[in-house]
All heavy atoms as atom14 arrays in JSON, in Angstrom:
{
  "sequence": "RLSKDKGEGDLGAATASMESMKGKKSSVSSTLAGTGAAALSGPV",
  "atom14_mask": [
    [1, 1, 1, 1, 1, 1, 1, 1, 1, 1, 1, 0, 0, 0],
    [1, 1, 1, 1, 1, 1, 1, 1, 0, 0, 0, 0, 0, 0],
    [1, 1, 1, 1, 1, 1, 0, 0, 0, 0, 0, 0, 0, 0],
    [1, 1, 1, 1, 1, 1, 1, 1, 1, 0, 0, 0, 0, 0],
    [1, 1, 1, 1, 1, 1, 1, 1, 0, 0, 0, 0, 0, 0],
    [1, 1, 1, 1, 1, 1, 1, 1, 1, 0, 0, 0, 0, 0],
    [1, 1, 1, 1, 0, 0, 0, 0, 0, 0, 0, 0, 0, 0],
    [1, 1, 1, 1, 1, 1, 1, 1, 1, 0, 0, 0, 0, 0],
    [1, 1, 1, 1, 0, 0, 0, 0, 0, 0, 0, 0, 0, 0],
    [1, 1, 1, 1, 1, 1, 1, 1, 0, 0, 0, 0, 0, 0],
    [1, 1, 1, 1, 1, 1, 1, 1, 0, 0, 0, 0, 0, 0],
    [1, 1, 1, 1, 0, 0, 0, 0, 0, 0, 0, 0, 0, 0],
    [1, 1, 1, 1, 1, 0, 0, 0, 0, 0, 0, 0, 0, 0],
    [1, 1, 1, 1, 1, 0, 0, 0, 0, 0, 0, 0, 0, 0],
    [1, 1, 1, 1, 1, 1, 1, 0, 0, 0, 0, 0, 0, 0],
    [1, 1, 1, 1, 1, 0, 0, 0, 0, 0, 0, 0, 0, 0],
    [1, 1, 1, 1, 1, 1, 0, 0, 0, 0, 0, 0, 0, 0],
    [1, 1, 1, 1, 1, 1, 1, 1, 0, 0, 0, 0, 0, 0],
    [1, 1, 1, 1, 1, 1, 1, 1, 1, 0, 0, 0, 0, 0],
    [1, 1, 1, 1, 1, 1, 0, 0, 0, 0, 0, 0, 0, 0],
    [1, 1, 1, 1, 1, 1, 1, 1, 0, 0, 0, 0, 0, 0],
    [1, 1, 1, 1, 1, 1, 1, 1, 1, 0, 0, 0, 0, 0],
    [1, 1, 1, 1, 0, 0, 0, 0, 0, 0, 0, 0, 0, 0],
    [1, 1, 1, 1, 1, 1, 1, 1, 1, 0, 0, 0, 0, 0],
    [1, 1, 1, 1, 1, 1, 1, 1, 1, 0, 0, 0, 0, 0],
    [1, 1, 1, 1, 1, 1, 0, 0, 0, 0, 0, 0, 0, 0],
    [1, 1, 1, 1, 1, 1, 0, 0, 0, 0, 0, 0, 0, 0],
    [1, 1, 1, 1, 1, 1, 1, 0, 0, 0, 0, 0, 0, 0],
    [1, 1, 1, 1, 1, 1, 0, 0, 0, 0, 0, 0, 0, 0],
    [1, 1, 1, 1, 1, 1, 0, 0, 0, 0, 0, 0, 0, 0],
    [1, 1, 1, 1, 1, 1, 1, 0, 0, 0, 0, 0, 0, 0],
    [1, 1, 1, 1, 1, 1, 1, 1, 0, 0, 0, 0, 0, 0],
    [1, 1, 1, 1, 1, 0, 0, 0, 0, 0, 0, 0, 0, 0],
    [1, 1, 1, 1, 0, 0, 0, 0, 0, 0, 0, 0, 0, 0],
    [1, 1, 1, 1, 1, 1, 1, 0, 0, 0, 0, 0, 0, 0],
    [1, 1, 1, 1, 0, 0, 0, 0, 0, 0, 0, 0, 0, 0],
    [1, 1, 1, 1, 1, 0, 0, 0, 0, 0, 0, 0, 0, 0],
    [1, 1, 1, 1, 1, 0, 0, 0, 0, 0, 0, 0, 0, 0],
    [1, 1, 1, 1, 1, 0, 0, 0, 0, 0, 0, 0, 0, 0],
    [1, 1, 1, 1, 1, 1, 1, 1, 0, 0, 0, 0, 0, 0],
    [1, 1, 1, 1, 1, 1, 0, 0, 0, 0, 0, 0, 0, 0],
    [1, 1, 1, 1, 0, 0, 0, 0, 0, 0, 0, 0, 0, 0],
    [1, 1, 1, 1, 1, 1, 1, 0, 0, 0, 0, 0, 0, 0],
    [1, 1, 1, 1, 1, 1, 1, 0, 0, 0, 0, 0, 0, 0]
  ],
  "atom14_positions": [
    [[11.41, -8.22, -97.76], [11.81, -9.46, -97.15], [11.48, -10.75, -98.02], [12.17, -11.64, -97.98], [11.08, -9.6, -95.72], [11.56, -8.67, -94.71], [10.79, -8.68, -93.47], [11.02, -10.08, -92.84], [12.09, -10.21, -91.99], [12.93, -9.23, -91.65], [12.17, -11.49, -91.37], [0.0, 0.0, 0.0], [0.0, 0.0, 0.0], [0.0, 0.0, 0.0]],
    [[10.41, -10.58, -98.73], [10.01, -11.72, -99.65], [10.82, -11.85, -100.86], [10.94, -12.85, -101.65], [8.6, -11.61, -99.98], [7.63, -11.86, -98.81], [6.15, -11.63, -99.38], [7.83, -13.13, -98.25], [0.0, 0.0, 0.0], [0.0, 0.0, 0.0], [0.0, 0.0, 0.0], [0.0, 0.0, 0.0], [0.0, 0.0, 0.0], [0.0, 0.0, 0.0]],
    [[11.55, -10.65, -101.25], [12.43, -10.55, -102.48], [13.71, -11.05, -102.28], [14.48, -10.7, -101.3], [12.28, -9.17, -103.01], [13.08, -8.99, -104.05], [0.0, 0.0, 0.0], [0.0, 0.0, 0.0], [0.0, 0.0, 0.0], [0.0, 0.0, 0.0], [0.0, 0.0, 0.0], [0.0, 0.0, 0.0], [0.0, 0.0, 0.0], [0.0, 0.0, 0.0]],
    [[14.39, -11.71, -103.25], [15.75, -11.93, -103.18], [16.64, -10.6, -103.41], [17.68, -10.57, -102.85], [16.1, -12.96, -104.23], [15.54, -14.3, -104.0], [15.89, -15.37, -105.1], [15.24, -16.74, -104.79], [15.64, -17.71, -105.86], [0.0, 0.0, 0.0], [0.0, 0.0, 0.0], [0.0, 0.0, 0.0], [0.0, 0.0, 0.0], [0.0, 0.0, 0.0]],
    [[16.1, -9.78, -104.3], [16.81, -8.56, -104.47], [16.29, -7.47, -103.58], [15.17, -7.06, -103.62], [16.5, -8.15, -105.99], [17.19, -6.66, -106.33], [17.83, -6.24, -105.47], [16.88, -6.19, -107.28], [0.0, 0.0, 0.0], [0.0, 0.0, 0.0], [0.0, 0.0, 0.0], [0.0, 0.0, 0.0], [0.0, 0.0, 0.0], [0.0, 0.0, 0.0]],
    [[17.12, -7.1, -102.67], [16.57, -6.14, -101.51], [17.2, -4.72, -101.86], [17.29, -4.07, -100.95], [17.13, -6.67, -100.19], [16.45, -7.95, -99.79], [17.01, -8.45, -98.51], [16.24, -9.63, -98.0], [15.51, -10.59, -98.98], [0.0, 0.0, 0.0], [0.0, 0.0, 0.0], [0.0, 0.0, 0.0], [0.0, 0.0, 0.0], [0.0, 0.0, 0.0]],
    [[17.29, -4.66, -103.11], [17.68, -3.09, -103.5], [19.17, -3.01, -103.92], [19.63, -1.98, -104.17], [0.0, 0.0, 0.0], [0.0, 0.0, 0.0], [0.0, 0.0, 0.0], [0.0, 0.0, 0.0], [0.0, 0.0, 0.0], [0.0, 0.0, 0.0], [0.0, 0.0, 0.0], [0.0, 0.0, 0.0], [0.0, 0.0, 0.0], [0.0, 0.0, 0.0]],
    [[19.88, -4.17, -104.0], [21.2, -4.03, -104.41], [21.4, -4.54, -105.94], [22.51, -4.88, -106.3], [22.07, -4.8, -103.46], [22.16, -6.33, -103.64], [20.88, -7.09, -102.92], [19.96, -6.32, -102.55], [21.1, -8.31, -102.69], [0.0, 0.0, 0.0], [0.0, 0.0, 0.0], [0.0, 0.0, 0.0], [0.0, 0.0, 0.0], [0.0, 0.0, 0.0]],
    [[20.42, -4.79, -106.53], [20.37, -5.34, -107.97], [21.13, -4.45, -108.9], [21.27, -3.27, -108.77], [0.0, 0.0, 0.0], [0.0, 0.0, 0.0], [0.0, 0.0, 0.0], [0.0, 0.0, 0.0], [0.0, 0.0, 0.0], [0.0, 0.0, 0.0], [0.0, 0.0, 0.0], [0.0, 0.0, 0.0], [0.0, 0.0, 0.0], [0.0, 0.0, 0.0]],
    [[21.66, -5.0, -109.92], [22.42, -4.26, -110.84], [21.59, -3.35, -111.87], [20.48, -3.46, -111.79], [23.36, -5.2, -111.75], [22.49, -6.18, -112.59], [21.23, -5.83, -112.89], [23.03, -7.22, -112.96], [0.0, 0.0, 0.0], [0.0, 0.0, 0.0], [0.0, 0.0, 0.0], [0.0, 0.0, 0.0], [0.0, 0.0, 0.0], [0.0, 0.0, 0.0]],
    [[22.22, -2.54, -112.49], [21.52, -1.55, -113.34], [20.73, -2.2, -114.39], [19.61, -1.67, -114.83], [22.58, -0.56, -113.94], [21.99, 0.58, -114.63], [20.9, 1.46, -113.9], [22.99, 1.44, -115.36], [0.0, 0.0, 0.0], [0.0, 0.0, 0.0], [0.0, 0.0, 0.0], [0.0, 0.0, 0.0], [0.0, 0.0, 0.0], [0.0, 0.0, 0.0]],
    [[21.26, -3.28, -115.01], [20.54, -4.01, -116.05], [19.28, -4.33, -115.6], [18.28, -4.27, -116.32], [0.0, 0.0, 0.0], [0.0, 0.0, 0.0], [0.0, 0.0, 0.0], [0.0, 0.0, 0.0], [0.0, 0.0, 0.0], [0.0, 0.0, 0.0], [0.0, 0.0, 0.0], [0.0, 0.0, 0.0], [0.0, 0.0, 0.0], [0.0, 0.0, 0.0]],
    [[19.19, -4.95, -114.43], [17.85, -5.43, -113.87], [16.97, -4.33, -113.56], [15.62, -4.32, -113.82], [18.08, -6.29, -112.48], [0.0, 0.0, 0.0], [0.0, 0.0, 0.0], [0.0, 0.0, 0.0], [0.0, 0.0, 0.0], [0.0, 0.0, 0.0], [0.0, 0.0, 0.0], [0.0, 0.0, 0.0], [0.0, 0.0, 0.0], [0.0, 0.0, 0.0]],
    [[17.48, -3.16, -113.09], [16.73, -2.04, -112.67], [16.13, -1.48, -114.03], [15.06, -1.06, -114.14], [17.51, -1.01, -112.05], [0.0, 0.0, 0.0], [0.0, 0.0, 0.0], [0.0, 0.0, 0.0], [0.0, 0.0, 0.0], [0.0, 0.0, 0.0], [0.0, 0.0, 0.0], [0.0, 0.0, 0.0], [0.0, 0.0, 0.0], [0.0, 0.0, 0.0]],
    [[16.93, -1.47, -115.11], [16.41, -0.86, -116.43], [15.38, -1.69, -116.99], [14.28, -1.26, -117.46], [17.6, -0.83, -117.43], [18.75, -0.16, -116.81], [17.28, -0.25, -118.74], [0.0, 0.0, 0.0], [0.0, 0.0, 0.0], [0.0, 0.0, 0.0], [0.0, 0.0, 0.0], [0.0, 0.0, 0.0], [0.0, 0.0, 0.0], [0.0, 0.0, 0.0]],
    [[15.6, -3.02, -116.97], [14.36, -3.96, -117.39], [13.22, -3.86, -116.72], [12.09, -3.74, -117.24], [15.0, -5.41, -117.36], [0.0, 0.0, 0.0], [0.0, 0.0, 0.0], [0.0, 0.0, 0.0], [0.0, 0.0, 0.0], [0.0, 0.0, 0.0], [0.0, 0.0, 0.0], [0.0, 0.0, 0.0], [0.0, 0.0, 0.0], [0.0, 0.0, 0.0]],
    [[13.37, -3.67, -115.32], [12.16, -3.38, -114.43], [11.44, -2.04, -114.88], [10.22, -1.97, -114.87], [12.45, -3.49, -113.01], [12.93, -4.71, -112.7], [0.0, 0.0, 0.0], [0.0, 0.0, 0.0], [0.0, 0.0, 0.0], [0.0, 0.0, 0.0], [0.0, 0.0, 0.0], [0.0, 0.0, 0.0], [0.0, 0.0, 0.0], [0.0, 0.0, 0.0]],
    [[12.24, -1.16, -115.09], [11.67, 0.21, -115.38], [11.04, 0.19, -116.74], [9.8, 0.76, -116.8], [12.81, 1.19, -115.42], [12.32, 2.63, -115.85], [13.68, 3.73, -116.27], [14.27, 3.09, -117.89], [0.0, 0.0, 0.0], [0.0, 0.0, 0.0], [0.0, 0.0, 0.0], [0.0, 0.0, 0.0], [0.0, 0.0, 0.0], [0.0, 0.0, 0.0]],
    [[11.58, -0.61, -117.74], [10.89, -0.59, -118.89], [9.63, -1.45, -118.88], [8.56, -1.15, -119.54], [11.71, -1.24, -120.01], [12.9, -0.25, -120.33], [13.8, -0.8, -121.53], [13.75, -2.07, -121.63], [14.39, 0.11, -122.12], [0.0, 0.0, 0.0], [0.0, 0.0, 0.0], [0.0, 0.0, 0.0], [0.0, 0.0, 0.0], [0.0, 0.0, 0.0]],
    [[9.62, -2.47, -118.01], [8.39, -3.19, -117.82], [7.31, -2.38, -117.18], [6.11, -2.5, -117.52], [8.74, -4.39, -116.89], [7.44, -5.16, -116.54], [0.0, 0.0, 0.0], [0.0, 0.0, 0.0], [0.0, 0.0, 0.0], [0.0, 0.0, 0.0], [0.0, 0.0, 0.0], [0.0, 0.0, 0.0], [0.0, 0.0, 0.0], [0.0, 0.0, 0.0]],
    [[7.72, -1.58, -116.23], [6.62, -0.7, -115.58], [6.1, 0.39, -116.53], [4.98, 0.58, -116.52], [7.38, -0.04, -114.41], [6.31, 0.87, -113.6], [7.15, 1.65, -112.14], [8.31, 2.69, -113.11], [0.0, 0.0, 0.0], [0.0, 0.0, 0.0], [0.0, 0.0, 0.0], [0.0, 0.0, 0.0], [0.0, 0.0, 0.0], [0.0, 0.0, 0.0]],
    [[6.92, 0.83, -117.37], [6.55, 1.91, -118.32], [5.83, 1.27, -119.5], [5.06, 2.07, -120.07], [7.85, 2.55, -118.83], [8.49, 3.49, -117.98], [9.76, 3.95, -118.49], [9.61, 4.86, -119.59], [10.8, 5.51, -120.07], [0.0, 0.0, 0.0], [0.0, 0.0, 0.0], [0.0, 0.0, 0.0], [0.0, 0.0, 0.0], [0.0, 0.0, 0.0]],
    [[6.07, 0.01, -119.81], [5.35, -0.59, -120.84], [5.77, -0.22, -122.28], [5.15, -0.47, -123.2], [0.0, 0.0, 0.0], [0.0, 0.0, 0.0], [0.0, 0.0, 0.0], [0.0, 0.0, 0.0], [0.0, 0.0, 0.0], [0.0, 0.0, 0.0], [0.0, 0.0, 0.0], [0.0, 0.0, 0.0], [0.0, 0.0, 0.0], [0.0, 0.0, 0.0]],
    [[6.96, 0.33, -122.27], [7.54, 0.55, -123.67], [9.11, 0.72, -123.47], [9.61, 0.84, -122.29], [7.12, 1.86, -124.2], [7.44, 3.08, -123.3], [6.84, 4.39, -123.97], [7.27, 5.62, -123.1], [6.79, 6.84, -123.71], [0.0, 0.0, 0.0], [0.0, 0.0, 0.0], [0.0, 0.0, 0.0], [0.0, 0.0, 0.0], [0.0, 0.0, 0.0]],
    [[9.81, 0.63, -124.55], [11.19, 0.81, -124.49], [11.66, 2.26, -124.13], [11.11, 3.17, -124.52], [11.76, 0.53, -125.96], [13.33, 0.48, -126.11], [13.9, -0.7, -125.63], [15.29, -0.73, -125.89], [15.87, -2.0, -125.33], [0.0, 0.0, 0.0], [0.0, 0.0, 0.0], [0.0, 0.0, 0.0], [0.0, 0.0, 0.0], [0.0, 0.0, 0.0]],
    [[12.59, 2.26, -123.26], [13.11, 3.58, -122.83], [13.96, 4.26, -123.91], [14.61, 3.6, -124.62], [13.98, 3.38, -121.5], [14.69, 4.58, -121.18], [0.0, 0.0, 0.0], [0.0, 0.0, 0.0], [0.0, 0.0, 0.0], [0.0, 0.0, 0.0], [0.0, 0.0, 0.0], [0.0, 0.0, 0.0], [0.0, 0.0, 0.0], [0.0, 0.0, 0.0]],
    [[13.89, 5.62, -124.03], [14.51, 6.27, -125.03], [16.03, 6.27, -124.72], [16.78, 6.47, -125.58], [14.05, 7.71, -125.18], [14.26, 8.37, -123.96], [0.0, 0.0, 0.0], [0.0, 0.0, 0.0], [0.0, 0.0, 0.0], [0.0, 0.0, 0.0], [0.0, 0.0, 0.0], [0.0, 0.0, 0.0], [0.0, 0.0, 0.0], [0.0, 0.0, 0.0]],
    [[16.56, 5.92, -123.64], [17.86, 5.86, -123.25], [18.41, 4.57, -122.79], [19.45, 4.45, -122.16], [18.23, 6.96, -122.13], [18.01, 8.32, -122.75], [17.4, 6.76, -120.96], [0.0, 0.0, 0.0], [0.0, 0.0, 0.0], [0.0, 0.0, 0.0], [0.0, 0.0, 0.0], [0.0, 0.0, 0.0], [0.0, 0.0, 0.0], [0.0, 0.0, 0.0]],
    [[17.48, 3.38, -122.96], [17.85, 2.24, -122.32], [19.14, 1.56, -122.93], [19.72, 0.78, -122.24], [16.7, 1.24, -122.55], [16.53, 1.0, -123.93], [0.0, 0.0, 0.0], [0.0, 0.0, 0.0], [0.0, 0.0, 0.0], [0.0, 0.0, 0.0], [0.0, 0.0, 0.0], [0.0, 0.0, 0.0], [0.0, 0.0, 0.0], [0.0, 0.0, 0.0]],
    [[19.55, 2.01, -124.2], [20.68, 1.32, -124.76], [22.0, 1.69, -124.06], [23.06, 1.04, -124.21], [20.78, 1.76, -126.26], [20.95, 3.13, -126.38], [0.0, 0.0, 0.0], [0.0, 0.0, 0.0], [0.0, 0.0, 0.0], [0.0, 0.0, 0.0], [0.0, 0.0, 0.0], [0.0, 0.0, 0.0], [0.0, 0.0, 0.0], [0.0, 0.0, 0.0]],
    [[21.87, 2.74, -123.33], [23.14, 3.22, -122.6], [23.03, 3.03, -121.05], [23.98, 3.31, -120.35], [23.33, 4.8, -122.82], [22.21, 5.38, -122.33], [23.5, 4.99, -124.24], [0.0, 0.0, 0.0], [0.0, 0.0, 0.0], [0.0, 0.0, 0.0], [0.0, 0.0, 0.0], [0.0, 0.0, 0.0], [0.0, 0.0, 0.0], [0.0, 0.0, 0.0]],
    [[21.99, 2.59, -120.48], [21.8, 2.48, -119.1], [22.74, 1.38, -118.46], [22.99, 1.53, -117.4], [20.28, 2.3, -118.68], [19.26, 3.28, -119.05], [17.94, 3.03, -118.52], [19.83, 4.66, -118.58], [0.0, 0.0, 0.0], [0.0, 0.0, 0.0], [0.0, 0.0, 0.0], [0.0, 0.0, 0.0], [0.0, 0.0, 0.0], [0.0, 0.0, 0.0]],
    [[23.01, 0.42, -119.29], [23.83, -0.63, -118.64], [25.31, -0.49, -118.64], [26.03, -1.11, -117.88], [23.65, -1.9, -119.39], [0.0, 0.0, 0.0], [0.0, 0.0, 0.0], [0.0, 0.0, 0.0], [0.0, 0.0, 0.0], [0.0, 0.0, 0.0], [0.0, 0.0, 0.0], [0.0, 0.0, 0.0], [0.0, 0.0, 0.0], [0.0, 0.0, 0.0]],
    [[25.72, 0.51, -119.24], [27.11, 0.84, -119.41], [27.36, 2.24, -118.75], [26.63, 2.99, -118.54], [0.0, 0.0, 0.0], [0.0, 0.0, 0.0], [0.0, 0.0, 0.0], [0.0, 0.0, 0.0], [0.0, 0.0, 0.0], [0.0, 0.0, 0.0], [0.0, 0.0, 0.0], [0.0, 0.0, 0.0], [0.0, 0.0, 0.0], [0.0, 0.0, 0.0]],
    [[28.62, 2.41, -118.48], [29.16, 3.65, -117.85], [30.27, 4.1, -118.51], [31.06, 3.24, -119.11], [29.32, 3.56, -116.42], [30.41, 2.65, -116.15], [28.09, 3.05, -115.53], [0.0, 0.0, 0.0], [0.0, 0.0, 0.0], [0.0, 0.0, 0.0], [0.0, 0.0, 0.0], [0.0, 0.0, 0.0], [0.0, 0.0, 0.0], [0.0, 0.0, 0.0]],
    [[30.63, 5.36, -118.46], [31.82, 5.9, -119.07], [31.9, 7.36, -119.04], [30.98, 7.98, -118.93], [0.0, 0.0, 0.0], [0.0, 0.0, 0.0], [0.0, 0.0, 0.0], [0.0, 0.0, 0.0], [0.0, 0.0, 0.0], [0.0, 0.0, 0.0], [0.0, 0.0, 0.0], [0.0, 0.0, 0.0], [0.0, 0.0, 0.0], [0.0, 0.0, 0.0]],
    [[33.09, 7.87, -119.09], [33.27, 9.25, -119.08], [33.28, 9.73, -120.43], [33.48, 9.08, -121.41], [34.6, 9.66, -118.4], [0.0, 0.0, 0.0], [0.0, 0.0, 0.0], [0.0, 0.0, 0.0], [0.0, 0.0, 0.0], [0.0, 0.0, 0.0], [0.0, 0.0, 0.0], [0.0, 0.0, 0.0], [0.0, 0.0, 0.0], [0.0, 0.0, 0.0]],
    [[32.93, 11.04, -120.58], [32.77, 11.67, -121.93], [34.17, 12.1, -122.31], [34.89, 12.76, -121.47], [31.73, 12.83, -121.97], [0.0, 0.0, 0.0], [0.0, 0.0, 0.0], [0.0, 0.0, 0.0], [0.0, 0.0, 0.0], [0.0, 0.0, 0.0], [0.0, 0.0, 0.0], [0.0, 0.0, 0.0], [0.0, 0.0, 0.0], [0.0, 0.0, 0.0]],
    [[34.47, 11.95, -123.64], [35.74, 12.58, -124.22], [35.46, 14.08, -124.38], [34.86, 14.41, -125.46], [36.11, 11.8, -125.37], [0.0, 0.0, 0.0], [0.0, 0.0, 0.0], [0.0, 0.0, 0.0], [0.0, 0.0, 0.0], [0.0, 0.0, 0.0], [0.0, 0.0, 0.0], [0.0, 0.0, 0.0], [0.0, 0.0, 0.0], [0.0, 0.0, 0.0]],
    [[35.85, 14.91, -123.57], [35.6, 16.39, -123.72], [36.79, 16.98, -124.54], [37.93, 16.66, -124.34], [35.63, 17.01, -122.35], [34.49, 16.45, -121.44], [34.74, 16.8, -120.04], [33.22, 17.06, -121.83], [0.0, 0.0, 0.0], [0.0, 0.0, 0.0], [0.0, 0.0, 0.0], [0.0, 0.0, 0.0], [0.0, 0.0, 0.0], [0.0, 0.0, 0.0]],
    [[36.38, 17.94, -125.44], [37.32, 18.49, -126.3], [38.11, 19.51, -125.7], [39.1, 20.01, -126.15], [36.58, 19.05, -127.55], [35.67, 20.03, -127.08], [0.0, 0.0, 0.0], [0.0, 0.0, 0.0], [0.0, 0.0, 0.0], [0.0, 0.0, 0.0], [0.0, 0.0, 0.0], [0.0, 0.0, 0.0], [0.0, 0.0, 0.0], [0.0, 0.0, 0.0]],
    [[37.73, 20.05, -124.51], [38.42, 21.1, -123.77], [38.16, 21.0, -122.32], [37.53, 20.04, -121.84], [0.0, 0.0, 0.0], [0.0, 0.0, 0.0], [0.0, 0.0, 0.0], [0.0, 0.0, 0.0], [0.0, 0.0, 0.0], [0.0, 0.0, 0.0], [0.0, 0.0, 0.0], [0.0, 0.0, 0.0], [0.0, 0.0, 0.0], [0.0, 0.0, 0.0]],
    [[38.73, 21.78, -121.46], [38.53, 21.77, -120.04], [37.14, 21.87, -119.67], [36.26, 22.67, -120.28], [39.44, 22.84, -119.54], [39.55, 23.77, -120.65], [39.52, 22.93, -121.82], [0.0, 0.0, 0.0], [0.0, 0.0, 0.0], [0.0, 0.0, 0.0], [0.0, 0.0, 0.0], [0.0, 0.0, 0.0], [0.0, 0.0, 0.0], [0.0, 0.0, 0.0]],
    [[36.76, 21.31, -118.53], [35.34, 21.54, -118.0], [35.23, 22.74, -117.04], [36.1, 22.75, -116.13], [34.95, 20.29, -117.29], [33.54, 20.44, -116.64], [34.82, 19.05, -118.22], [0.0, 0.0, 0.0], [0.0, 0.0, 0.0], [0.0, 0.0, 0.0], [0.0, 0.0, 0.0], [0.0, 0.0, 0.0], [0.0, 0.0, 0.0], [0.0, 0.0, 0.0]]
  ]
}
C-alpha cells in the first residue's frame, strides 16, 4: 500500500532490485530485460 509499484513493475526494475538484493551482478542480467524466441535449427 505504501509502494507505488504494487507488483506490476517491468522486468528491468525487477532485475535491478534482484541484483541489489544479491549484492552482485547477475550472471544472466544482460538478457533479463529482453525477450525473444530461439532460432531453432530443426523442429522442437
